[in-house]
Protein backbone atom coordinates (compact mmCIF):
# COMPACT_ATOMS: atom_id res chain seq x y z
CA MET A 1 0.00 0.00 0.00
CA ALA A 2 1.44 3.36 -1.03
CA ASN A 3 1.39 5.83 1.83
CA ASP A 4 4.37 8.13 2.13
CA SER A 5 2.60 10.67 4.36
CA PRO A 6 2.42 10.60 8.15
CA ALA A 7 -0.18 8.19 9.55
CA SER A 8 -2.36 10.97 10.96
CA HIS A 9 -3.20 13.19 8.06
CA VAL A 10 -5.92 14.64 5.81
CA MET A 11 -6.32 13.39 2.23
CA ILE A 12 -7.78 15.97 -0.17
CA VAL A 13 -9.07 14.67 -3.49
CA GLY A 14 -9.00 17.40 -6.13
CA ALA A 15 -6.62 20.30 -6.77
CA GLY A 16 -9.32 22.75 -7.77
CA LEU A 17 -9.94 26.01 -5.96
CA GLY A 18 -11.51 24.48 -2.85
CA GLY A 19 -8.94 21.72 -2.52
CA LEU A 20 -6.00 24.10 -2.90
CA LEU A 21 -7.32 26.59 -0.36
CA LEU A 22 -7.94 23.79 2.15
CA GLY A 23 -4.37 22.64 1.60
CA ILE A 24 -3.06 26.15 2.29
CA LEU A 25 -5.17 26.40 5.44
CA LEU A 26 -3.97 23.04 6.76
CA GLU A 27 -0.39 24.04 5.94
CA ARG A 28 -0.80 27.14 8.12
CA ALA A 29 -2.52 25.11 10.85
CA GLY A 30 0.30 22.56 10.95
CA VAL A 31 -2.01 19.69 9.99
CA PRO A 32 -0.42 17.00 7.75
CA TYR A 33 -2.21 16.63 4.41
CA GLN A 34 -1.81 15.40 0.84
CA ILE A 35 -3.72 16.44 -2.30
CA TYR A 36 -4.60 13.86 -4.98
CA GLU A 37 -5.43 15.24 -8.44
CA LYS A 38 -6.71 13.10 -11.32
CA ALA A 39 -5.17 15.27 -14.05
CA THR A 40 -1.54 14.71 -14.96
CA VAL A 41 -1.17 18.40 -15.77
CA ILE A 42 -3.50 21.08 -14.42
CA LYS A 43 -4.91 23.41 -17.06
CA PRO A 44 -6.85 26.06 -15.16
CA LEU A 45 -9.94 27.02 -17.12
CA GLY A 46 -12.88 29.28 -16.51
CA SER A 47 -14.13 32.81 -16.81
CA ALA A 48 -14.71 35.77 -14.51
CA MET A 49 -15.16 35.45 -10.78
CA GLY A 50 -16.07 38.04 -8.19
CA PHE A 51 -15.20 38.20 -4.49
CA GLY A 52 -16.24 40.53 -1.72
CA ALA A 53 -16.18 40.86 2.04
CA ASN A 54 -17.54 37.37 2.72
CA ILE A 55 -14.22 35.72 1.75
CA LEU A 56 -11.53 38.41 1.32
CA PRO A 57 -10.72 38.56 5.07
CA VAL A 58 -9.40 34.99 4.77
CA PHE A 59 -7.04 36.05 1.98
CA GLU A 60 -5.92 38.90 4.24
CA GLN A 61 -5.30 36.47 7.11
CA LEU A 62 -3.18 34.29 4.82
CA GLY A 63 -1.21 37.25 3.47
CA LEU A 64 -2.57 36.62 -0.04
CA LEU A 65 -4.87 39.63 -0.44
CA ASP A 66 -2.28 41.87 -2.10
CA GLU A 67 -1.45 39.12 -4.60
CA LEU A 68 -5.13 38.67 -5.41
CA LEU A 69 -5.64 42.41 -5.86
CA LYS A 70 -2.77 42.49 -8.37
CA VAL A 71 -4.73 40.18 -10.71
CA SER A 72 -8.10 41.83 -10.00
CA TYR A 73 -10.03 44.97 -10.79
CA PRO A 74 -12.61 46.64 -8.56
CA CYS A 75 -16.11 46.24 -9.99
CA PRO A 76 -18.33 49.32 -9.55
CA SER A 77 -21.43 47.73 -11.08
CA VAL A 78 -23.03 44.94 -13.09
CA ASP A 79 -24.99 46.42 -16.00
CA MET A 80 -27.71 44.56 -17.86
CA TYR A 81 -29.02 45.23 -21.38
CA ASP A 82 -31.45 43.88 -23.94
CA PRO A 83 -30.11 42.79 -27.38
CA GLN A 84 -30.53 46.36 -28.67
CA LEU A 85 -28.29 47.54 -25.78
CA ASN A 86 -31.12 49.33 -24.01
CA THR A 87 -30.46 49.37 -20.27
CA LEU A 88 -32.58 46.93 -18.27
CA GLY A 89 -31.04 47.58 -14.86
CA GLY A 90 -28.17 46.33 -12.77
CA PHE A 91 -26.42 46.28 -9.42
CA GLU A 92 -24.14 48.94 -8.00
CA PHE A 93 -21.25 48.11 -5.65
CA GLU A 94 -19.64 51.50 -5.11
CA GLN A 95 -20.82 51.70 -1.47
CA TYR A 96 -19.36 48.33 -0.59
CA ARG A 97 -15.86 49.42 0.39
CA GLU A 98 -17.15 51.91 2.96
CA ARG A 99 -19.88 49.60 4.23
CA THR A 100 -17.94 46.29 4.27
CA GLY A 101 -14.28 47.34 4.28
CA TYR A 102 -13.59 45.73 0.88
CA ASP A 103 -14.21 46.45 -2.78
CA THR A 104 -16.10 43.95 -4.88
CA ILE A 105 -13.35 42.64 -7.16
CA MET A 106 -13.39 40.71 -10.44
CA PHE A 107 -10.66 38.50 -11.87
CA ALA A 108 -10.13 35.55 -14.18
CA ARG A 109 -10.49 32.14 -12.53
CA PRO A 110 -7.19 30.85 -14.00
CA ALA A 111 -5.35 33.70 -12.26
CA LEU A 112 -6.82 32.71 -8.89
CA HIS A 113 -6.00 29.05 -9.47
CA ASP A 114 -2.39 29.90 -10.33
CA LEU A 115 -2.12 32.06 -7.21
CA LEU A 116 -3.37 29.31 -4.89
CA LEU A 117 -1.28 26.64 -6.59
CA SER A 118 1.87 28.70 -6.06
CA HIS A 119 1.32 28.57 -2.29
CA VAL A 120 0.99 24.78 -2.01
CA PRO A 121 4.33 22.95 -1.77
CA ALA A 122 4.86 20.90 -4.94
CA GLU A 123 5.42 17.69 -2.98
CA LYS A 124 1.96 18.04 -1.41
CA ILE A 125 0.18 17.31 -4.71
CA LYS A 126 0.16 13.91 -6.41
CA TYR A 127 -0.98 14.06 -10.04
CA GLY A 128 -2.59 11.35 -12.15
CA LYS A 129 -4.52 10.04 -9.14
CA ARG A 130 -8.09 9.38 -10.23
CA VAL A 131 -9.94 8.01 -7.22
CA LEU A 132 -12.11 4.99 -7.98
CA SER A 133 -13.29 3.96 -4.55
CA LEU A 134 -12.87 4.42 -0.84
CA LEU A 135 -12.95 2.14 2.16
CA GLN A 136 -13.38 3.36 5.71
CA ASN A 137 -13.68 2.10 9.25
CA GLU A 138 -12.98 3.34 12.75
CA ASN A 139 -9.24 3.20 12.10
CA GLY A 140 -9.28 5.55 9.11
CA VAL A 141 -10.03 5.76 5.41
CA MET A 142 -8.33 4.40 2.29
CA ILE A 143 -8.64 5.51 -1.33
CA ARG A 144 -7.89 3.39 -4.39
CA CYS A 145 -6.76 5.07 -7.60
CA SER A 146 -7.00 4.08 -11.25
CA ASP A 147 -3.21 3.58 -11.50
CA GLY A 148 -3.36 0.78 -8.92
CA THR A 149 -2.07 2.79 -5.97
CA SER A 150 -3.86 3.21 -2.67
CA TYR A 151 -3.41 5.66 0.18
CA GLU A 152 -4.52 5.82 3.80
CA GLY A 153 -5.34 8.66 6.13
CA ASP A 154 -7.55 9.75 8.98
CA ILE A 155 -9.80 12.17 7.08
CA LEU A 156 -10.79 12.24 3.42
CA VAL A 157 -12.11 15.45 1.85
CA GLY A 158 -13.78 15.27 -1.55
CA ALA A 159 -13.01 18.46 -3.49
CA ASP A 160 -13.11 16.82 -6.90
CA GLY A 161 -16.04 18.54 -8.54
CA ALA A 162 -19.63 17.84 -9.50
CA HIS A 163 -18.94 14.25 -10.63
CA SER A 164 -16.85 13.45 -7.57
CA GLY A 165 -15.48 9.93 -7.28
CA VAL A 166 -15.37 10.42 -3.51
CA ARG A 167 -19.00 11.52 -3.46
CA GLN A 168 -20.16 8.57 -5.55
CA SER A 169 -18.29 6.08 -3.37
CA LEU A 170 -19.73 7.71 -0.27
CA TYR A 171 -23.24 7.55 -1.68
CA GLN A 172 -22.88 3.87 -2.54
CA ALA A 173 -21.79 3.10 1.00
CA LEU A 174 -24.63 5.13 2.52
CA ALA A 175 -27.38 4.29 0.01
CA ALA A 176 -29.55 2.41 2.48
CA GLY A 177 -29.65 5.28 4.95
CA LEU A 178 -30.11 8.19 2.55
CA PRO A 179 -33.50 9.84 2.01
CA SER A 180 -34.96 9.24 -1.44
CA SER A 181 -34.53 12.92 -2.35
CA ASP A 182 -30.75 12.59 -2.04
CA LYS A 183 -30.75 9.83 -4.67
CA GLU A 184 -32.60 11.87 -7.28
CA SER A 185 -30.74 13.68 -10.04
CA MET A 186 -31.05 17.46 -10.09
CA ASN A 187 -32.30 19.03 -13.28
CA ALA A 188 -30.04 21.62 -14.86
CA GLY A 189 -31.97 24.77 -15.71
CA HIS A 190 -29.15 26.43 -17.67
CA ILE A 191 -26.11 25.45 -19.71
CA CYS A 192 -23.18 27.85 -19.63
CA MET A 193 -20.10 28.04 -21.84
CA VAL A 194 -17.31 30.22 -20.44
CA GLY A 195 -13.81 31.31 -21.32
CA THR A 196 -11.09 33.95 -21.05
CA THR A 197 -9.43 35.59 -24.04
CA LYS A 198 -5.73 36.08 -24.58
CA SER A 199 -4.40 39.62 -24.12
CA LEU A 200 -6.20 41.92 -26.57
CA ASP A 201 -5.30 45.19 -28.25
CA ALA A 202 -6.37 48.01 -25.92
CA GLU A 203 -6.42 50.46 -28.83
CA LYS A 204 -9.05 48.32 -30.51
CA TYR A 205 -10.96 47.79 -27.26
CA PRO A 206 -10.51 51.04 -25.25
CA ALA A 207 -12.42 49.75 -22.21
CA LEU A 208 -9.40 47.56 -21.47
CA LYS A 209 -7.45 50.71 -20.55
CA ASP A 210 -9.66 51.31 -17.50
CA GLU A 211 -8.43 49.79 -14.26
CA VAL A 212 -11.94 48.77 -13.26
CA ALA A 213 -13.92 45.71 -14.23
CA HIS A 214 -16.59 46.48 -16.82
CA CYS A 215 -19.22 43.80 -16.20
CA LYS A 216 -21.93 43.72 -18.89
CA ARG A 217 -24.76 41.24 -19.41
CA ILE A 218 -27.13 41.01 -22.37
CA ILE A 219 -30.43 39.20 -21.83
CA GLY A 220 -31.86 37.69 -25.00
CA GLU A 221 -35.35 38.37 -26.33
CA LYS A 222 -37.43 35.56 -27.81
CA SER A 223 -34.31 33.48 -27.37
CA SER A 224 -32.96 31.17 -24.69
CA TYR A 225 -29.52 32.79 -24.86
CA SER A 226 -27.84 35.45 -22.72
CA TRP A 227 -24.28 36.77 -22.83
CA SER A 228 -21.86 38.38 -20.41
CA VAL A 229 -18.40 39.94 -20.64
CA VAL A 230 -16.04 41.20 -17.92
CA THR A 231 -12.76 43.06 -18.40
CA VAL A 232 -9.88 41.86 -16.19
CA PRO A 233 -6.17 42.71 -15.88
CA GLU A 234 -3.64 41.96 -18.65
CA ASN A 235 -6.06 43.30 -21.28
CA LYS A 236 -8.19 40.17 -21.10
CA VAL A 237 -11.93 39.68 -21.37
CA CYS A 238 -13.83 36.93 -19.58
CA TRP A 239 -16.98 35.85 -21.39
CA ALA A 240 -19.95 33.55 -20.91
CA LEU A 241 -22.79 32.29 -23.07
CA ILE A 242 -25.79 31.05 -21.11
CA SER A 243 -28.69 29.05 -22.51
CA GLN A 244 -31.86 28.42 -20.55
CA LEU A 245 -33.26 24.92 -21.04
CA ASP A 246 -36.94 24.27 -21.51
CA ALA A 247 -38.69 21.74 -19.28
CA LYS A 248 -38.08 18.81 -21.64
CA GLU A 249 -34.41 19.64 -22.12
CA ALA A 250 -33.94 20.11 -18.39
CA MET A 251 -35.32 16.64 -17.70
CA CYS A 252 -32.67 15.18 -20.03
CA THR A 253 -29.81 17.34 -18.76
CA THR A 254 -28.98 16.47 -15.18
CA PHE A 255 -26.06 16.64 -12.82
CA LYS A 256 -25.33 14.70 -9.67
CA ASN A 257 -26.76 15.82 -6.36
CA SER A 258 -23.85 17.31 -4.39
CA GLU A 259 -25.31 17.15 -0.90
CA TRP A 260 -22.63 16.73 1.76
CA GLY A 261 -22.73 15.71 5.36
CA PRO A 262 -20.80 14.51 8.40
CA GLU A 263 -20.87 10.84 7.47
CA SER A 264 -17.99 8.79 8.88
CA ASN A 265 -14.51 9.83 7.69
CA ALA A 266 -15.43 11.75 4.53
CA ALA A 267 -16.60 15.34 4.17
CA MET A 268 -17.48 17.23 1.01
CA ILE A 269 -16.58 20.72 -0.10
CA LYS A 270 -17.95 22.09 -3.34
CA ASP A 271 -16.38 24.03 -6.18
CA CYS A 272 -19.27 24.78 -8.56
CA TYR A 273 -20.06 27.84 -10.57
CA ASP A 274 -23.13 29.99 -10.13
CA PHE A 275 -24.02 33.68 -9.64
CA PRO A 276 -22.01 35.56 -8.57
CA SER A 277 -19.17 33.08 -8.10
CA GLN A 278 -20.89 31.94 -4.92
CA GLY A 279 -19.98 28.35 -5.74
CA ALA A 280 -16.31 29.14 -5.24
CA VAL A 281 -17.08 31.32 -2.22
CA ASN A 282 -19.07 28.46 -0.69
CA ALA A 283 -16.20 26.06 -1.37
CA PHE A 284 -13.79 28.45 0.32
CA GLN A 285 -16.07 28.97 3.31
CA ASP A 286 -16.45 25.19 3.56
CA ALA A 287 -12.66 24.88 3.59
CA VAL A 288 -12.28 27.55 6.29
CA ILE A 289 -14.82 26.01 8.66
CA LEU A 290 -13.57 22.47 8.01
CA ALA A 291 -9.97 23.51 8.70
CA ASN A 292 -11.11 25.18 11.93
CA CYS A 293 -12.94 22.04 13.03
CA ILE A 294 -9.97 19.79 12.22
CA TYR A 295 -7.63 22.16 14.05
CA ASP A 296 -9.88 22.02 17.12
CA MET A 297 -9.74 18.22 17.44
CA PRO A 298 -7.91 17.40 20.70
CA SER A 299 -6.65 14.13 19.22
CA VAL A 300 -7.17 11.98 16.13
CA THR A 301 -9.83 9.47 17.12
CA HIS A 302 -12.93 8.26 15.34
CA GLU A 303 -15.11 9.97 17.94
CA ASN A 304 -13.31 13.29 17.60
CA ILE A 305 -13.49 13.13 13.80
CA MET A 306 -17.23 12.49 13.95
CA ALA A 307 -17.65 15.37 16.38
CA ALA A 308 -15.63 17.66 14.09
CA PHE A 309 -17.81 16.83 11.08
CA LYS A 310 -20.99 17.39 13.07
CA ASP A 311 -19.64 20.75 14.16
CA TYR A 312 -18.72 21.52 10.54
CA LYS A 313 -22.22 20.79 9.32
CA SER A 314 -23.90 22.74 12.09
CA GLN A 315 -21.81 25.81 11.24
CA ARG A 316 -22.01 25.59 7.46
CA TYR A 317 -25.28 23.97 6.41
CA PRO A 318 -27.68 26.90 7.06
CA HIS A 319 -25.44 29.38 5.22
CA ALA A 320 -24.70 27.02 2.32
CA LYS A 321 -28.39 26.20 1.87
CA TYR A 322 -29.24 29.90 1.89
CA GLN A 323 -26.72 30.58 -0.88
CA ILE A 324 -27.96 27.66 -2.99
CA ASP A 325 -31.55 28.85 -2.69
CA LYS A 326 -30.49 32.41 -3.48
CA THR A 327 -28.52 31.22 -6.51
CA ARG A 328 -31.64 29.63 -8.00
CA ILE A 329 -33.54 32.89 -7.60
CA MET A 330 -30.70 35.01 -8.98
CA GLY A 331 -30.24 32.69 -11.94
CA LYS A 332 -33.88 33.01 -12.91
CA MET A 333 -33.85 36.76 -12.42
CA LEU A 334 -30.68 37.34 -14.44
CA TYR A 335 -31.05 34.78 -17.20
CA GLY A 336 -34.67 33.62 -17.10
CA GLN A 337 -36.60 33.85 -20.37
CA THR A 338 -40.10 32.79 -19.33
CA TRP A 339 -42.87 35.37 -19.08
CA SER A 340 -42.92 35.25 -15.27
CA GLU A 341 -39.12 35.55 -15.04
CA ARG A 342 -39.08 38.56 -17.35
CA LEU A 343 -41.83 40.17 -15.28
CA THR A 344 -39.90 39.51 -12.07
CA ARG A 345 -36.76 41.05 -13.56
CA HIS A 346 -38.71 44.13 -14.69
CA LEU A 347 -40.28 44.61 -11.26
CA ILE A 348 -36.98 44.24 -9.41
CA PHE A 349 -35.05 46.64 -11.61
CA ASN A 350 -37.80 49.21 -12.05
CA TRP A 351 -39.93 49.14 -8.91
CA ILE A 352 -37.76 47.99 -6.01
CA PRO A 353 -35.65 50.90 -4.68
CA LYS A 354 -31.89 50.60 -5.15
CA ARG A 355 -31.54 51.07 -1.40
CA ILE A 356 -33.38 47.81 -0.72
CA GLN A 357 -31.30 45.93 -3.30
CA THR A 358 -28.10 47.29 -1.76
CA GLU A 359 -29.15 46.41 1.79
CA GLN A 360 -29.83 42.80 0.73
CA PHE A 361 -26.36 42.45 -0.78
CA LEU A 362 -24.82 44.02 2.31
CA LYS A 363 -26.74 41.61 4.52
CA ASP A 364 -25.02 38.74 2.71
CA ALA A 365 -21.65 40.36 3.51
CA SER A 366 -22.30 39.98 7.25
CA TYR A 367 -21.36 36.29 7.07
CA ARG A 368 -17.59 36.14 6.66
CA PRO A 369 -16.00 33.21 8.52
CA GLN A 370 -12.28 33.43 9.22
CA CYS A 371 -9.52 31.03 10.23
CA THR A 372 -9.72 30.76 13.99
CA PHE A 373 -6.10 29.61 14.29
CA LEU A 374 -4.76 32.78 12.64
CA PRO A 375 -4.93 36.40 13.84
CA TYR A 376 -8.38 37.83 13.22
CA VAL A 377 -8.95 40.63 10.74
CA LYS A 378 -11.10 43.29 12.35
CA ASN A 379 -14.23 44.57 10.66
CA ARG A 380 -13.31 47.86 8.95
CA GLY A 381 -16.79 48.52 7.58
CA THR A 382 -20.04 49.72 9.07
CA VAL A 383 -22.03 46.54 8.35
CA PRO A 384 -22.22 44.32 11.47
CA VAL A 385 -20.53 40.94 11.15
CA LEU A 386 -22.11 37.71 12.38
CA GLU A 387 -20.57 36.04 15.40
CA GLN A 388 -18.32 33.09 14.70
CA LYS A 389 -17.32 30.14 16.83
CA ARG A 390 -13.72 30.61 17.85
CA SER A 391 -11.01 28.03 18.43
CA LYS A 392 -10.18 27.74 22.09
CA PRO A 393 -7.12 26.86 24.10
CA ARG A 394 -7.30 23.13 24.78
CA SER A 395 -8.41 23.66 28.38
CA ALA A 396 -10.39 26.89 28.02
CA PRO A 397 -14.20 27.17 27.74
CA GLU A 398 -15.75 27.76 24.35
CA THR A 399 -16.47 31.38 23.43
CA ALA A 400 -17.94 33.33 20.56
CA VAL A 401 -16.44 36.46 19.06
CA THR A 402 -17.57 39.19 16.75
CA ILE A 403 -15.11 40.11 14.01
């Protein structure tokens, strides 16, 4: 059995955004870990992403915020148009820095992936390791890979995407105890094609000269298609083409249910893509809370691991569910083509005061979990921040803090 890591360690399957950030967090926490990536060479793909106050404090804690800002532009607004380029509405973020302490920033996903990858020691990632199955008991967990190798550890974290091998193995093992709803496929309401251009000629595209992110969306008429473009550093443009599926198409286009839970020695963190990059934000927040819970374990026992996962779920599930539900609503509002969705979009952009829209976005910024084993970043904005469970000295009582 191949296992060249210490006996007590965390195995992370997937070197995507969530897996890499978890690796960085465990590195800072002094927790042994190893990342297993199915690709032999990572080719970071993707389009524009946007971050705000609900995750940027973690980058500040890690000393990575300045690096992220170098590959980002502040985004003053998201502007929406019809195909004739008549303004439909949009969202303004100019108040965010004063209210939350951070700008809303936009960047290309490949740039973020490269940044995170550069902060994970090369020897901590094993490539060409496609996980086929897992076995677990009270003594730990073992993964088996397609190249015939196997590895053991105390905790296995599946960060390997929507069609996760870890998730599927976990579901097979837990099939008898799962509710029927967890076994159903989820219909995909939209298909999205995304990409990032090479560096373009700023003389031909003058908007590239501005050191702000121009975020524009065009909603189709009598068509299932919508488009979006975002300018990012290095004279690049991130783009997306979104197609809404009708009911029949949606029934035939499904993706696996990505529910996660505190079952035995495997936990799930997600790296999916939805509006506005909340999939990645959720994956990062999952990683932060999971790292905190692992750090808080007094010793590596089956009971302590189970307790850590239960703590993880209790802290994360309500917030993750809220974001998933919100994503469905935002997706329909931004890209929906049905009569009711168009009406909803018109009412929101034309009848709901901007102040109410802004307050809702700022409310979301109040949840911003941080690493409890690193110095806290104080709240520099005026928006109150939700209390967070804090790591405690091994013999001290548990407390809560406001950051």
